Amino acid sequence: MGFRDFKRSDRVAAQMRRTMATAIHQNLPDEDTSFITISDVEVTRDLSVATIFINTLDPSQEKLALQTLRLNAKALRKVMSQEMNMRKVPELRFKYDASLEYGQKLEYLIQKARATDPNLPDDEE
């Protein structure tokens, strides 16, 4: 699979993910953003909207992280326009990515079920 096999929106999303991760930590000096990580970026096919999925070290910081990013979206978009070679930078939307917590919860439930049911096979892979 070569570079051309990916859709343009996929390439833009990958570039935005790298650029946004740096931009958040380097261009918001008045904010504590050390606990925010970018887990994924999805860009609409027409490149008009970018949804940036974030995680935090502590799930209780979700609201603070989203509030900080939304308040600084205009500044981040400006950084993106300077860093990326695009005529128009997509509108930035931020969402919390709960997949990590969901995965941990599922793992806990599986382990709990195995501990309480002797008929379930052990996880020996």
PDB file of N, CA and C in Angstrom:
ATOM      1  N   MET A   1       0.852  -1.174   0.000  1.00  0.00           N
ATOM      2  CA  MET A   1       0.000   0.000   0.000  1.00  0.00           C
ATOM      3  C   MET A   1       0.894   1.231   0.000  1.00  0.00           C
ATOM      4  N   GLY A   2       0.802   2.037  -1.016  1.00  0.00           N
ATOM      5  CA  GLY A   2       1.642   3.220  -1.141  1.00  0.00           C
ATOM      6  C   GLY A   2       0.985   4.457  -0.569  1.00  0.00           C
ATOM      7  N   PHE A   3       1.724   5.550  -0.599  1.00  0.00           N
ATOM      8  CA  PHE A   3       1.258   6.832  -0.072  1.00  0.00           C
ATOM      9  C   PHE A   3      -0.029   7.280  -0.752  1.00  0.00           C
ATOM     10  N   ARG A   4      -0.129   7.046  -2.040  1.00  0.00           N
ATOM     11  CA  ARG A   4      -1.293   7.473  -2.817  1.00  0.00           C
ATOM     12  C   ARG A   4      -2.549   6.656  -2.509  1.00  0.00           C
ATOM     13  N   ASP A   5      -2.406   5.528  -1.846  1.00  0.00           N
ATOM     14  CA  ASP A   5      -3.559   4.688  -1.535  1.00  0.00           C
ATOM     15  C   ASP A   5      -4.422   5.274  -0.427  1.00  0.00           C
ATOM     16  N   PHE A   6      -3.874   6.205   0.341  1.00  0.00           N
ATOM     17  CA  PHE A   6      -4.637   6.838   1.413  1.00  0.00           C
ATOM     18  C   PHE A   6      -5.416   8.023   0.860  1.00  0.00           C
ATOM     19  N   LYS A   7      -6.603   8.241   1.403  1.00  0.00           N
ATOM     20  CA  LYS A   7      -7.384   9.402   1.003  1.00  0.00           C
ATOM     21  C   LYS A   7      -6.705  10.666   1.514  1.00  0.00           C
ATOM     22  N   ARG A   8      -6.959  11.757   0.840  1.00  0.00           N
ATOM     23  CA  ARG A   8      -6.365  13.034   1.256  1.00  0.00           C
ATOM     24  C   ARG A   8      -6.772  13.369   2.689  1.00  0.00           C
ATOM     25  N   SER A   9      -8.016  13.102   3.048  1.00  0.00           N
ATOM     26  CA  SER A   9      -8.474  13.408   4.407  1.00  0.00           C
ATOM     27  C   SER A   9      -7.690  12.608   5.444  1.00  0.00           C
ATOM     28  N   ASP A  10      -7.280  11.380   5.100  1.00  0.00           N
ATOM     29  CA  ASP A  10      -6.458  10.571   6.013  1.00  0.00           C
ATOM     30  C   ASP A  10      -5.075  11.183   6.196  1.00  0.00           C
ATOM     31  N   ARG A  11      -4.496  11.656   5.089  1.00  0.00           N
ATOM     32  CA  ARG A  11      -3.169  12.278   5.173  1.00  0.00           C
ATOM     33  C   ARG A  11      -3.234  13.572   5.983  1.00  0.00           C
ATOM     34  N   VAL A  12      -4.276  14.367   5.757  1.00  0.00           N
ATOM     35  CA  VAL A  12      -4.445  15.607   6.515  1.00  0.00           C
ATOM     36  C   VAL A  12      -4.641  15.293   7.991  1.00  0.00           C
ATOM     37  N   ALA A  13      -5.435  14.281   8.298  1.00  0.00           N
ATOM     38  CA  ALA A  13      -5.675  13.900   9.694  1.00  0.00           C
ATOM     39  C   ALA A  13      -4.375  13.487  10.377  1.00  0.00           C
ATOM     40  N   ALA A  14      -3.545  12.706   9.690  1.00  0.00           N
ATOM     41  CA  ALA A  14      -2.273  12.268  10.268  1.00  0.00           C
ATOM     42  C   ALA A  14      -1.357  13.460  10.522  1.00  0.00           C
ATOM     43  N   GLN A  15      -1.303  14.379   9.574  1.00  0.00           N
ATOM     44  CA  GLN A  15      -0.464  15.567   9.749  1.00  0.00           C
ATOM     45  C   GLN A  15      -1.013  16.442  10.877  1.00  0.00           C
ATOM     46  N   MET A  16      -2.329  16.575  10.938  1.00  0.00           N
ATOM     47  CA  MET A  16      -2.939  17.380  11.999  1.00  0.00           C
ATOM     48  C   MET A  16      -2.666  16.776  13.373  1.00  0.00           C
ATOM     49  N   ARG A  17      -2.685  15.462  13.452  1.00  0.00           N
ATOM     50  CA  ARG A  17      -2.437  14.796  14.735  1.00  0.00           C
ATOM     51  C   ARG A  17      -1.039  15.150  15.250  1.00  0.00           C
ATOM     52  N   ARG A  18      -0.048  15.052  14.379  1.00  0.00           N
ATOM     53  CA  ARG A  18       1.327  15.386  14.776  1.00  0.00           C
ATOM     54  C   ARG A  18       1.457  16.869  15.128  1.00  0.00           C
ATOM     55  N   THR A  19       0.914  17.721  14.283  1.00  0.00           N
ATOM     56  CA  THR A  19       1.036  19.163  14.474  1.00  0.00           C
ATOM     57  C   THR A  19       0.271  19.621  15.711  1.00  0.00           C
ATOM     58  N   MET A  20      -0.926  19.091  15.919  1.00  0.00           N
ATOM     59  CA  MET A  20      -1.749  19.489  17.055  1.00  0.00           C
ATOM     60  C   MET A  20      -1.113  19.077  18.372  1.00  0.00           C
ATOM     61  N   ALA A  21      -0.530  17.896  18.419  1.00  0.00           N
ATOM     62  CA  ALA A  21       0.108  17.437  19.652  1.00  0.00           C
ATOM     63  C   ALA A  21       1.193  18.413  20.087  1.00  0.00           C
ATOM     64  N   THR A  22       1.973  18.878  19.144  1.00  0.00           N
ATOM     65  CA  THR A  22       3.027  19.850  19.443  1.00  0.00           C
ATOM     66  C   THR A  22       2.430  21.218  19.762  1.00  0.00           C
ATOM     67  N   ALA A  23       1.455  21.630  18.979  1.00  0.00           N
ATOM     68  CA  ALA A  23       0.862  22.967  19.137  1.00  0.00           C
ATOM     69  C   ALA A  23       0.233  23.163  20.511  1.00  0.00           C
ATOM     70  N   ILE A  24      -0.445  22.146  21.002  1.00  0.00           N
ATOM     71  CA  ILE A  24      -1.100  22.259  22.305  1.00  0.00           C
ATOM     72  C   ILE A  24      -0.082  22.542  23.404  1.00  0.00           C
ATOM     73  N   HIS A  25       1.030  21.832  23.367  1.00  0.00           N
ATOM     74  CA  HIS A  25       2.005  21.958  24.444  1.00  0.00           C
ATOM     75  C   HIS A  25       2.939  23.153  24.276  1.00  0.00           C
ATOM     76  N   GLN A  26       3.153  23.608  23.038  1.00  0.00           N
ATOM     77  CA  GLN A  26       4.087  24.706  22.815  1.00  0.00           C
ATOM     78  C   GLN A  26       3.428  26.070  22.662  1.00  0.00           C
ATOM     79  N   ASN A  27       2.166  26.098  22.287  1.00  0.00           N
ATOM     80  CA  ASN A  27       1.544  27.384  21.953  1.00  0.00           C
ATOM     81  C   ASN A  27       0.456  27.826  22.924  1.00  0.00           C
ATOM     82  N   LEU A  28       0.280  27.105  24.001  1.00  0.00           N
ATOM     83  CA  LEU A  28      -0.654  27.530  25.041  1.00  0.00           C
ATOM     84  C   LEU A  28       0.126  27.687  26.351  1.00  0.00           C
ATOM     85  N   PRO A  29       1.054  28.650  26.384  1.00  0.00           N
ATOM     86  CA  PRO A  29       1.957  28.762  27.535  1.00  0.00           C
ATOM     87  C   PRO A  29       1.252  29.132  28.840  1.00  0.00           C
ATOM     88  N   ASP A  30       0.096  29.769  28.762  1.00  0.00           N
ATOM     89  CA  ASP A  30      -0.611  30.178  29.972  1.00  0.00           C
ATOM     90  C   ASP A  30      -1.467  29.060  30.551  1.00  0.00           C
ATOM     91  N   GLU A  31      -1.536  27.947  29.851  1.00  0.00           N
ATOM     92  CA  GLU A  31      -2.387  26.838  30.266  1.00  0.00           C
ATOM     93  C   GLU A  31      -1.527  25.636  30.652  1.00  0.00           C
ATOM     94  N   ASP A  32      -2.002  24.850  31.609  1.00  0.00           N
ATOM     95  CA  ASP A  32      -1.346  23.588  31.923  1.00  0.00           C
ATOM     96  C   ASP A  32      -1.958  22.532  31.013  1.00  0.00           C
ATOM     97  N   THR A  33      -1.209  22.134  30.000  1.00  0.00           N
ATOM     98  CA  THR A  33      -1.704  21.156  29.031  1.00  0.00           C
ATOM     99  C   THR A  33      -0.894  19.868  29.065  1.00  0.00           C
ATOM    100  N   SER A  34      -0.049  19.703  30.064  1.00  0.00           N
ATOM    101  CA  SER A  34       0.830  18.538  30.114  1.00  0.00           C
ATOM    102  C   SER A  34       0.065  17.225  30.249  1.00  0.00           C
ATOM    103  N   PHE A  35      -1.163  17.286  30.714  1.00  0.00           N
ATOM    104  CA  PHE A  35      -1.951  16.066  30.934  1.00  0.00           C
ATOM    105  C   PHE A  35      -2.804  15.689  29.732  1.00  0.00           C
ATOM    106  N   ILE A  36      -2.730  16.449  28.663  1.00  0.00           N
ATOM    107  CA  ILE A  36      -3.558  16.207  27.476  1.00  0.00           C
ATOM    108  C   ILE A  36      -2.746  15.477  26.413  1.00  0.00           C
ATOM    109  N   THR A  37      -3.325  14.408  25.864  1.00  0.00           N
ATOM    110  CA  THR A  37      -2.718  13.713  24.731  1.00  0.00           C
ATOM    111  C   THR A  37      -3.745  13.586  23.610  1.00  0.00           C
ATOM    112  N   ILE A  38      -3.254  13.567  22.399  1.00  0.00           N
ATOM    113  CA  ILE A  38      -4.107  13.398  21.219  1.00  0.00           C
ATOM    114  C   ILE A  38      -4.144  11.910  20.889  1.00  0.00           C
ATOM    115  N   SER A  39      -5.328  11.332  20.860  1.00  0.00           N
ATOM    116  CA  SER A  39      -5.422   9.904  20.536  1.00  0.00           C
ATOM    117  C   SER A  39      -5.751   9.680  19.061  1.00  0.00           C
ATOM    118  N   ASP A  40      -6.472  10.607  18.451  1.00  0.00           N
ATOM    119  CA  ASP A  40      -6.837  10.438  17.048  1.00  0.00           C
ATOM    120  C   ASP A  40      -7.351  11.752  16.491  1.00  0.00           C
ATOM    121  N   VAL A  41      -7.337  11.865  15.185  1.00  0.00           N
ATOM    122  CA  VAL A  41      -7.926  13.003  14.478  1.00  0.00           C
ATOM    123  C   VAL A  41      -8.695  12.442  13.301  1.00  0.00           C
ATOM    124  N   GLU A  42      -9.927  12.881  13.153  1.00  0.00           N
ATOM    125  CA  GLU A  42     -10.739  12.511  11.992  1.00  0.00           C
ATOM    126  C   GLU A  42     -11.102  13.781  11.253  1.00  0.00           C
ATOM    127  N   VAL A  43     -10.900  13.765   9.943  1.00  0.00           N
ATOM    128  CA  VAL A  43     -11.198  14.930   9.114  1.00  0.00           C
ATOM    129  C   VAL A  43     -12.287  14.530   8.129  1.00  0.00           C
ATOM    130  N   THR A  44     -13.279  15.407   7.988  1.00  0.00           N
ATOM    131  CA  THR A  44     -14.347  15.120   7.030  1.00  0.00           C
ATOM    132  C   THR A  44     -13.764  15.072   5.621  1.00  0.00           C
ATOM    133  N   ARG A  45     -14.481  14.407   4.748  1.00  0.00           N
ATOM    134  CA  ARG A  45     -14.005  14.212   3.385  1.00  0.00           C
ATOM    135  C   ARG A  45     -13.737  15.530   2.658  1.00  0.00           C
ATOM    136  N   ASP A  46     -14.570  16.538   2.943  1.00  0.00           N
ATOM    137  CA  ASP A  46     -14.386  17.840   2.287  1.00  0.00           C
ATOM    138  C   ASP A  46     -13.391  18.731   3.029  1.00  0.00           C
ATOM    139  N   LEU A  47     -12.754  18.191   4.076  1.00  0.00           N
ATOM    140  CA  LEU A  47     -11.721  18.871   4.859  1.00  0.00           C
ATOM    141  C   LEU A  47     -12.233  20.116   5.583  1.00  0.00           C
ATOM    142  N   SER A  48     -13.529  20.177   5.852  1.00  0.00           N
ATOM    143  CA  SER A  48     -14.077  21.367   6.501  1.00  0.00           C
ATOM    144  C   SER A  48     -14.062  21.269   8.029  1.00  0.00           C
ATOM    145  N   VAL A  49     -14.078  20.053   8.570  1.00  0.00           N
ATOM    146  CA  VAL A  49     -14.124  19.865  10.027  1.00  0.00           C
ATOM    147  C   VAL A  49     -13.131  18.781  10.439  1.00  0.00           C
ATOM    148  N   ALA A  50     -12.391  19.085  11.491  1.00  0.00           N
ATOM    149  CA  ALA A  50     -11.477  18.093  12.073  1.00  0.00           C
ATOM    150  C   ALA A  50     -11.929  17.826  13.504  1.00  0.00           C
ATOM    151  N   THR A  51     -12.210  16.576  13.808  1.00  0.00           N
ATOM    152  CA  THR A  51     -12.549  16.181  15.170  1.00  0.00           C
ATOM    153  C   THR A  51     -11.293  15.613  15.799  1.00  0.00           C
ATOM    154  N   ILE A  52     -10.874  16.240  16.886  1.00  0.00           N
ATOM    155  CA  ILE A  52      -9.648  15.854  17.565  1.00  0.00           C
ATOM    156  C   ILE A  52     -10.030  15.143  18.850  1.00  0.00           C
ATOM    157  N   PHE A  53      -9.657  13.875  18.944  1.00  0.00           N
ATOM    158  CA  PHE A  53      -9.973  13.064  20.110  1.00  0.00           C
ATOM    159  C   PHE A  53      -8.806  13.142  21.090  1.00  0.00           C
ATOM    160  N   ILE A  54      -9.133  13.451  22.341  1.00  0.00           N
ATOM    161  CA  ILE A  54      -8.088  13.612  23.350  1.00  0.00           C
ATOM    162  C   ILE A  54      -8.269  12.608  24.485  1.00  0.00           C
ATOM    163  N   ASN A  55      -7.184  12.387  25.200  1.00  0.00           N
ATOM    164  CA  ASN A  55      -7.186  11.615  26.442  1.00  0.00           C
ATOM    165  C   ASN A  55      -6.500  12.456  27.500  1.00  0.00           C
ATOM    166  N   THR A  56      -6.755  12.129  28.747  1.00  0.00           N
ATOM    167  CA  THR A  56      -6.060  12.783  29.844  1.00  0.00           C
ATOM    168  C   THR A  56      -5.492  11.700  30.757  1.00  0.00           C
ATOM    169  N   LEU A  57      -4.470  12.057  31.504  1.00  0.00           N
ATOM    170  CA  LEU A  57      -3.873  11.088  32.420  1.00  0.00           C
ATOM    171  C   LEU A  57      -4.873  10.665  33.483  1.00  0.00           C
ATOM    172  N   ASP A  58      -5.715  11.584  33.876  1.00  0.00           N
ATOM    173  CA  ASP A  58      -6.730  11.332  34.892  1.00  0.00           C
ATOM    174  C   ASP A  58      -8.098  11.654  34.283  1.00  0.00           C
ATOM    175  N   PRO A  59      -9.002  10.677  34.191  1.00  0.00           N
ATOM    176  CA  PRO A  59     -10.316  10.931  33.572  1.00  0.00           C
ATOM    177  C   PRO A  59     -11.082  12.097  34.198  1.00  0.00           C
ATOM    178  N   SER A  60     -10.783  12.436  35.442  1.00  0.00           N
ATOM    179  CA  SER A  60     -11.479  13.562  36.076  1.00  0.00           C
ATOM    180  C   SER A  60     -11.073  14.908  35.469  1.00  0.00           C
ATOM    181  N   GLN A  61     -10.013  14.919  34.655  1.00  0.00           N
ATOM    182  CA  GLN A  61      -9.550  16.153  34.015  1.00  0.00           C
ATOM    183  C   GLN A  61     -10.172  16.377  32.643  1.00  0.00           C
ATOM    184  N   GLU A  62     -11.093  15.496  32.267  1.00  0.00           N
ATOM    185  CA  GLU A  62     -11.721  15.576  30.941  1.00  0.00           C
ATOM    186  C   GLU A  62     -12.342  16.945  30.671  1.00  0.00           C
ATOM    187  N   LYS A  63     -13.170  17.422  31.588  1.00  0.00           N
ATOM    188  CA  LYS A  63     -13.874  18.694  31.362  1.00  0.00           C
ATOM    189  C   LYS A  63     -12.907  19.861  31.271  1.00  0.00           C
ATOM    190  N   LEU A  64     -11.902  19.879  32.134  1.00  0.00           N
ATOM    191  CA  LEU A  64     -10.904  20.950  32.110  1.00  0.00           C
ATOM    192  C   LEU A  64     -10.147  20.949  30.782  1.00  0.00           C
ATOM    193  N   ALA A  65      -9.768  19.771  30.327  1.00  0.00           N
ATOM    194  CA  ALA A  65      -9.033  19.662  29.068  1.00  0.00           C
ATOM    195  C   ALA A  65      -9.878  20.156  27.897  1.00  0.00           C
ATOM    196  N   LEU A  66     -11.110  19.703  27.818  1.00  0.00           N
ATOM    197  CA  LEU A  66     -11.982  20.127  26.721  1.00  0.00           C
ATOM    198  C   LEU A  66     -12.248  21.628  26.773  1.00  0.00           C
ATOM    199  N   GLN A  67     -12.473  22.153  27.951  1.00  0.00           N
ATOM    200  CA  GLN A  67     -12.716  23.592  28.109  1.00  0.00           C
ATOM    201  C   GLN A  67     -11.491  24.385  27.648  1.00  0.00           C
ATOM    202  N   THR A  68     -10.315  23.967  28.064  1.00  0.00           N
ATOM    203  CA  THR A  68      -9.076  24.648  27.679  1.00  0.00           C
ATOM    204  C   THR A  68      -8.893  24.644  26.173  1.00  0.00           C
ATOM    205  N   LEU A  69      -9.095  23.488  25.558  1.00  0.00           N
ATOM    206  CA  LEU A  69      -8.908  23.379  24.112  1.00  0.00           C
ATOM    207  C   LEU A  69      -9.957  24.177  23.342  1.00  0.00           C
ATOM    208  N   ARG A  70     -11.178  24.126  23.793  1.00  0.00           N
ATOM    209  CA  ARG A  70     -12.240  24.867  23.089  1.00  0.00           C
ATOM    210  C   ARG A  70     -12.035  26.378  23.203  1.00  0.00           C
ATOM    211  N   LEU A  71     -11.580  26.836  24.361  1.00  0.00           N
ATOM    212  CA  LEU A  71     -11.311  28.265  24.536  1.00  0.00           C
ATOM    213  C   LEU A  71     -10.138  28.732  23.678  1.00  0.00           C
ATOM    214  N   ASN A  72      -9.227  27.833  23.391  1.00  0.00           N
ATOM    215  CA  ASN A  72      -8.027  28.172  22.620  1.00  0.00           C
ATOM    216  C   ASN A  72      -8.074  27.656  21.185  1.00  0.00           C
ATOM    217  N   ALA A  73      -9.239  27.229  20.733  1.00  0.00           N
ATOM    218  CA  ALA A  73      -9.372  26.644  19.388  1.00  0.00           C
ATOM    219  C   ALA A  73      -8.932  27.623  18.301  1.00  0.00           C
ATOM    220  N   LYS A  74      -9.269  28.883  18.456  1.00  0.00           N
ATOM    221  CA  LYS A  74      -8.909  29.875  17.440  1.00  0.00           C
ATOM    222  C   LYS A  74      -7.390  30.008  17.330  1.00  0.00           C
ATOM    223  N   ALA A  75      -6.716  30.079  18.460  1.00  0.00           N
ATOM    224  CA  ALA A  75      -5.252  30.183  18.457  1.00  0.00           C
ATOM    225  C   ALA A  75      -4.617  28.918  17.883  1.00  0.00           C
ATOM    226  N   LEU A  76      -5.164  27.761  18.238  1.00  0.00           N
ATOM    227  CA  LEU A  76      -4.632  26.500  17.714  1.00  0.00           C
ATOM    228  C   LEU A  76      -4.848  26.397  16.211  1.00  0.00           C
ATOM    229  N   ARG A  77      -5.977  26.875  15.756  1.00  0.00           N
ATOM    230  CA  ARG A  77      -6.255  26.841  14.313  1.00  0.00           C
ATOM    231  C   ARG A  77      -5.270  27.752  13.560  1.00  0.00           C
ATOM    232  N   LYS A  78      -4.936  28.870  14.176  1.00  0.00           N
ATOM    233  CA  LYS A  78      -3.956  29.783  13.569  1.00  0.00           C
ATOM    234  C   LYS A  78      -2.591  29.100  13.464  1.00  0.00           C
ATOM    235  N   VAL A  79      -2.192  28.412  14.509  1.00  0.00           N
ATOM    236  CA  VAL A  79      -0.932  27.671  14.484  1.00  0.00           C
ATOM    237  C   VAL A  79      -0.971  26.618  13.382  1.00  0.00           C
ATOM    238  N   MET A  80      -2.099  25.924  13.285  1.00  0.00           N
ATOM    239  CA  MET A  80      -2.243  24.890  12.256  1.00  0.00           C
ATOM    240  C   MET A  80      -2.105  25.508  10.857  1.00  0.00           C
ATOM    241  N   SER A  81      -2.672  26.674  10.654  1.00  0.00           N
ATOM    242  CA  SER A  81      -2.592  27.307   9.337  1.00  0.00           C
ATOM    243  C   SER A  81      -1.154  27.699   9.002  1.00  0.00           C
ATOM    244  N   GLN A  82      -0.373  28.046  10.023  1.00  0.00           N
ATOM    245  CA  GLN A  82       1.027  28.398   9.797  1.00  0.00           C
ATOM    246  C   GLN A  82       1.899  27.168   9.559  1.00  0.00           C
ATOM    247  N   GLU A  83       1.574  26.068  10.235  1.00  0.00           N
ATOM    248  CA  GLU A  83       2.397  24.862  10.172  1.00  0.00           C
ATOM    249  C   GLU A  83       2.065  23.948   8.996  1.00  0.00           C
ATOM    250  N   MET A  84       0.810  23.963   8.565  1.00  0.00           N
ATOM    251  CA  MET A  84       0.379  23.051   7.508  1.00  0.00           C
ATOM    252  C   MET A  84       0.210  23.818   6.196  1.00  0.00           C
ATOM    253  N   ASN A  85       0.528  23.188   5.126  1.00  0.00           N
ATOM    254  CA  ASN A  85       0.444  23.822   3.817  1.00  0.00           C
ATOM    255  C   ASN A  85      -0.950  23.591   3.234  1.00  0.00           C
ATOM    256  N   MET A  86      -1.926  24.333   3.792  1.00  0.00           N
ATOM    257  CA  MET A  86      -3.312  24.201   3.338  1.00  0.00           C
ATOM    258  C   MET A  86      -3.905  25.585   3.119  1.00  0.00           C
ATOM    259  N   ARG A  87      -4.756  25.692   2.112  1.00  0.00           N
ATOM    260  CA  ARG A  87      -5.436  26.965   1.884  1.00  0.00           C
ATOM    261  C   ARG A  87      -6.386  27.294   3.020  1.00  0.00           C
ATOM    262  N   LYS A  88      -7.118  26.275   3.479  1.00  0.00           N
ATOM    263  CA  LYS A  88      -8.097  26.485   4.539  1.00  0.00           C
ATOM    264  C   LYS A  88      -7.950  25.372   5.569  1.00  0.00           C
ATOM    265  N   VAL A  89      -7.759  25.765   6.813  1.00  0.00           N
ATOM    266  CA  VAL A  89      -7.631  24.788   7.891  1.00  0.00           C
ATOM    267  C   VAL A  89      -9.031  24.410   8.362  1.00  0.00           C
ATOM    268  N   PRO A  90      -9.283  23.140   8.590  1.00  0.00           N
ATOM    269  CA  PRO A  90     -10.611  22.713   9.036  1.00  0.00           C
ATOM    270  C   PRO A  90     -10.998  23.329  10.381  1.00  0.00           C
ATOM    271  N   GLU A  91     -12.291  23.441  10.592  1.00  0.00           N
ATOM    272  CA  GLU A  91     -12.811  23.851  11.898  1.00  0.00           C
ATOM    273  C   GLU A  91     -12.402  22.771  12.893  1.00  0.00           C
ATOM    274  N   LEU A  92     -11.955  23.183  14.082  1.00  0.00           N
ATOM    275  CA  LEU A  92     -11.489  22.240  15.082  1.00  0.00           C
ATOM    276  C   LEU A  92     -12.586  21.932  16.086  1.00  0.00           C
ATOM    277  N   ARG A  93     -12.856  20.654  16.266  1.00  0.00           N
ATOM    278  CA  ARG A  93     -13.805  20.198  17.287  1.00  0.00           C
ATOM    279  C   ARG A  93     -13.077  19.199  18.173  1.00  0.00           C
ATOM    280  N   PHE A  94     -13.258  19.336  19.467  1.00  0.00           N
ATOM    281  CA  PHE A  94     -12.554  18.480  20.413  1.00  0.00           C
ATOM    282  C   PHE A  94     -13.543  17.557  21.115  1.00  0.00           C
ATOM    283  N   LYS A  95     -13.159  16.280  21.207  1.00  0.00           N
ATOM    284  CA  LYS A  95     -13.983  15.285  21.901  1.00  0.00           C
ATOM    285  C   LYS A  95     -13.084  14.436  22.775  1.00  0.00           C
ATOM    286  N   TYR A  96     -13.645  13.991  23.889  1.00  0.00           N
ATOM    287  CA  TYR A  96     -12.895  13.116  24.786  1.00  0.00           C
ATOM    288  C   TYR A  96     -12.996  11.687  24.278  1.00  0.00           C
ATOM    289  N   ASP A  97     -11.884  11.001  24.219  1.00  0.00           N
ATOM    290  CA  ASP A  97     -11.826   9.611  23.754  1.00  0.00           C
ATOM    291  C   ASP A  97     -11.857   8.694  24.972  1.00  0.00           C
ATOM    292  N   ALA A  98     -12.998   8.097  25.217  1.00  0.00           N
ATOM    293  CA  ALA A  98     -13.175   7.249  26.401  1.00  0.00           C
ATOM    294  C   ALA A  98     -12.817   5.789  26.128  1.00  0.00           C
ATOM    295  N   SER A  99     -12.232   5.500  24.984  1.00  0.00           N
ATOM    296  CA  SER A  99     -11.954   4.102  24.636  1.00  0.00           C
ATOM    297  C   SER A  99     -10.958   3.447  25.590  1.00  0.00           C
ATOM    298  N   LEU A 100     -10.015   4.210  26.117  1.00  0.00           N
ATOM    299  CA  LEU A 100      -9.045   3.644  27.051  1.00  0.00           C
ATOM    300  C   LEU A 100      -9.737   3.178  28.333  1.00  0.00           C
ATOM    301  N   GLU A 101     -10.592   4.033  28.893  1.00  0.00           N
ATOM    302  CA  GLU A 101     -11.332   3.652  30.101  1.00  0.00           C
ATOM    303  C   GLU A 101     -12.278   2.483  29.815  1.00  0.00           C
ATOM    304  N   TYR A 102     -12.892   2.493  28.637  1.00  0.00           N
ATOM    305  CA  TYR A 102     -13.798   1.423  28.254  1.00  0.00           C
ATOM    306  C   TYR A 102     -13.044   0.091  28.171  1.00  0.00           C
ATOM    307  N   GLY A 103     -11.864   0.115  27.559  1.00  0.00           N
ATOM    308  CA  GLY A 103     -11.043  -1.088  27.458  1.00  0.00           C
ATOM    309  C   GLY A 103     -10.610  -1.606  28.821  1.00  0.00           C
ATOM    310  N   GLN A 104     -10.245  -0.687  29.702  1.00  0.00           N
ATOM    311  CA  GLN A 104      -9.842  -1.087  31.049  1.00  0.00           C
ATOM    312  C   GLN A 104     -11.023  -1.698  31.809  1.00  0.00           C
ATOM    313  N   LYS A 105     -12.206  -1.130  31.623  1.00  0.00           N
ATOM    314  CA  LYS A 105     -13.396  -1.662  32.285  1.00  0.00           C
ATOM    315  C   LYS A 105     -13.716  -3.068  31.775  1.00  0.00           C
ATOM    316  N   LEU A 106     -13.615  -3.257  30.461  1.00  0.00           N
ATOM    317  CA  LEU A 106     -13.863  -4.584  29.897  1.00  0.00           C
ATOM    318  C   LEU A 106     -12.850  -5.601  30.422  1.00  0.00           C
ATOM    319  N   GLU A 107     -11.594  -5.210  30.478  1.00  0.00           N
ATOM    320  CA  GLU A 107     -10.557  -6.107  30.989  1.00  0.00           C
ATOM    321  C   GLU A 107     -10.844  -6.493  32.440  1.00  0.00           C
ATOM    322  N   TYR A 108     -11.268  -5.530  33.239  1.00  0.00           N
ATOM    323  CA  TYR A 108     -11.616  -5.797  34.640  1.00  0.00           C
ATOM    324  C   TYR A 108     -12.777  -6.793  34.720  1.00  0.00           C
ATOM    325  N   LEU A 109     -13.807  -6.574  33.911  1.00  0.00           N
ATOM    326  CA  LEU A 109     -14.973  -7.459  33.927  1.00  0.00           C
ATOM    327  C   LEU A 109     -14.615  -8.873  33.477  1.00  0.00           C
ATOM    328  N   ILE A 110     -13.735  -8.989  32.493  1.00  0.00           N
ATOM    329  CA  ILE A 110     -13.297 -10.311  32.022  1.00  0.00           C
ATOM    330  C   ILE A 110     -12.526 -11.028  33.131  1.00  0.00           C
ATOM    331  N   GLN A 111     -11.620 -10.311  33.769  1.00  0.00           N
ATOM    332  CA  GLN A 111     -10.837 -10.917  34.858  1.00  0.00           C
ATOM    333  C   GLN A 111     -11.741 -11.328  36.024  1.00  0.00           C
ATOM    334  N   LYS A 112     -12.721 -10.492  36.314  1.00  0.00           N
ATOM    335  CA  LYS A 112     -13.661 -10.788  37.398  1.00  0.00           C
ATOM    336  C   LYS A 112     -14.482 -12.046  37.069  1.00  0.00           C
ATOM    337  N   ALA A 113     -14.937 -12.153  35.808  1.00  0.00           N
ATOM    338  CA  ALA A 113     -15.716 -13.322  35.380  1.00  0.00           C
ATOM    339  C   ALA A 113     -14.870 -14.586  35.453  1.00  0.00           C
ATOM    340  N   ARG A 114     -13.612 -14.494  35.034  1.00  0.00           N
ATOM    341  CA  ARG A 114     -12.721 -15.653  35.091  1.00  0.00           C
ATOM    342  C   ARG A 114     -12.474 -16.092  36.536  1.00  0.00           C
ATOM    343  N   ALA A 115     -12.373 -15.125  37.433  1.00  0.00           N
ATOM    344  CA  ALA A 115     -12.093 -15.438  38.838  1.00  0.00           C
ATOM    345  C   ALA A 115     -13.288 -16.107  39.512  1.00  0.00           C
ATOM    346  N   THR A 116     -14.489 -15.778  39.060  1.00  0.00           N
ATOM    347  CA  THR A 116     -15.679 -16.317  39.710  1.00  0.00           C
ATOM    348  C   THR A 116     -16.249 -17.557  39.028  1.00  0.00           C
ATOM    349  N   ASP A 117     -15.824 -17.861  37.808  1.00  0.00           N
ATOM    350  CA  ASP A 117     -16.345 -19.017  37.081  1.00  0.00           C
ATOM    351  C   ASP A 117     -15.208 -19.968  36.734  1.00  0.00           C
ATOM    352  N   PRO A 118     -15.083 -21.064  37.448  1.00  0.00           N
ATOM    353  CA  PRO A 118     -13.967 -21.999  37.213  1.00  0.00           C
ATOM    354  C   PRO A 118     -14.046 -22.693  35.856  1.00  0.00           C
ATOM    355  N   ASN A 119     -15.174 -22.637  35.179  1.00  0.00           N
ATOM    356  CA  ASN A 119     -15.319 -23.299  33.880  1.00  0.00           C
ATOM    357  C   ASN A 119     -14.767 -22.471  32.716  1.00  0.00           C
ATOM    358  N   LEU A 120     -14.506 -21.182  32.976  1.00  0.00           N
ATOM    359  CA  LEU A 120     -13.948 -20.346  31.908  1.00  0.00           C
ATOM    360  C   LEU A 120     -12.469 -20.660  31.748  1.00  0.00           C
ATOM    361  N   PRO A 121     -11.991 -20.704  30.502  1.00  0.00           N
ATOM    362  CA  PRO A 121     -10.571 -21.013  30.265  1.00  0.00           C
ATOM    363  C   PRO A 121      -9.681 -19.852  30.717  1.00  0.00           C
ATOM    364  N   ASP A 122      -8.470 -20.189  31.112  1.00  0.00           N
ATOM    365  CA  ASP A 122      -7.496 -19.166  31.457  1.00  0.00           C
ATOM    366  C   ASP A 122      -7.040 -18.476  30.182  1.00  0.00           C
ATOM    367  N   ASP A 123      -6.521 -17.273  30.344  1.00  0.00           N
ATOM    368  CA  ASP A 123      -6.023 -16.488  29.214  1.00  0.00           C
ATOM    369  C   ASP A 123      -4.573 -16.874  28.959  1.00  0.00           C
ATOM    370  N   GLU A 124      -4.372 -17.959  28.194  1.00  0.00           N
ATOM    371  CA  GLU A 124      -3.019 -18.460  27.932  1.00  0.00           C
ATOM    372  C   GLU A 124      -2.707 -18.334  26.449  1.00  0.00           C
ATOM    373  N   GLU A 125      -2.314 -17.156  26.008  1.00  0.00           N
ATOM    374  CA  GLU A 125      -1.988 -16.961  24.593  1.00  0.00           C
ATOM    375  C   GLU A 125      -0.532 -16.635  24.449  1.00  0.00           C
TER     376      GLU A 125
END
